Amino acid sequence: MPPTYKPGQPAPISGEFGIVGPRGGQTGQERTALQGRTLPPTPKPGQSYVIDRPAHNGAGKRK
């Protein structure tokens, strides 16, 4: 199972984050986050985020 991230944590990379339930099931919802910015609140308590699609445009890469 991929690592999960809690709302309020800084995003490790830029990209699309899928929302998963407390037992790891997909909810079908996604949020876009930028590296270093905090992940937004989830619709229901106990949910978390997994990385669905990382950004491929170089956003968030350090120079």
Protein backbone atom coordinates (compact mmCIF):
# COMPACT_ATOMS: atom_id res chain seq x y z
CA MET A 1 0.00 0.00 0.00
CA PRO A 2 1.39 3.44 -0.88
CA PRO A 3 2.21 5.88 1.91
CA THR A 4 -0.68 8.04 3.16
CA TYR A 5 -0.58 11.68 4.16
CA LYS A 6 -2.86 13.44 6.63
CA PRO A 7 -4.63 16.76 6.04
CA GLY A 8 -2.45 19.63 7.26
CA GLN A 9 0.81 17.86 6.43
CA PRO A 10 3.05 19.49 3.82
CA ALA A 11 2.79 17.80 0.42
CA PRO A 12 6.00 15.85 -0.32
CA ILE A 13 5.72 16.49 -4.09
CA SER A 14 3.43 18.42 -6.42
CA GLY A 15 0.61 16.55 -8.10
CA GLU A 16 -2.84 15.01 -7.75
CA PHE A 17 -3.63 13.40 -4.40
CA GLY A 18 -6.47 10.91 -4.11
CA ILE A 19 -8.60 10.80 -0.97
CA VAL A 20 -8.82 7.39 0.72
CA GLY A 21 -11.04 6.22 3.55
CA PRO A 22 -9.90 5.03 6.99
CA ARG A 23 -9.40 1.45 5.70
CA GLY A 24 -7.61 2.51 2.50
CA GLY A 25 -10.52 2.41 0.02
CA GLN A 26 -10.58 4.98 -2.78
CA THR A 27 -13.33 7.62 -2.57
CA GLY A 28 -12.99 8.74 -6.19
CA GLN A 29 -12.10 12.30 -5.18
CA GLU A 30 -8.81 14.10 -5.83
CA ARG A 31 -7.14 17.32 -4.78
CA THR A 32 -4.23 19.16 -6.37
CA ALA A 33 -1.37 20.13 -4.06
CA LEU A 34 1.98 21.85 -4.49
CA GLN A 35 5.17 20.66 -2.86
CA GLY A 36 5.64 22.17 0.58
CA ARG A 37 2.09 23.51 0.86
CA THR A 38 -0.25 21.96 3.40
CA LEU A 39 -2.77 19.38 2.22
CA PRO A 40 -6.37 20.63 2.49
CA PRO A 41 -8.98 19.22 4.88
CA THR A 42 -10.76 16.04 3.76
CA PRO A 43 -14.57 15.87 3.43
CA LYS A 44 -14.94 13.37 6.33
CA PRO A 45 -12.89 12.62 9.47
CA GLY A 46 -10.45 9.72 9.26
CA GLN A 47 -9.70 10.17 5.55
CA SER A 48 -6.19 10.71 4.21
CA TYR A 49 -4.34 11.27 0.93
CA VAL A 50 -2.25 9.11 -1.42
CA ILE A 51 -0.33 10.32 -4.46
CA ASP A 52 -2.27 9.48 -7.64
CA ARG A 53 -0.33 11.40 -10.29
CA PRO A 54 2.85 13.39 -9.68
CA ALA A 55 3.30 16.63 -11.62
CA HIS A 56 5.47 16.28 -14.71
CA ASN A 57 6.00 19.97 -15.43
CA GLY A 58 8.84 20.55 -12.98
CA ALA A 59 6.66 22.31 -10.40
CA GLY A 60 8.18 22.12 -6.96
CA LYS A 61 11.66 21.16 -8.12
CA ARG A 62 14.45 23.04 -6.41
CA LYS A 63 16.89 24.97 -8.56
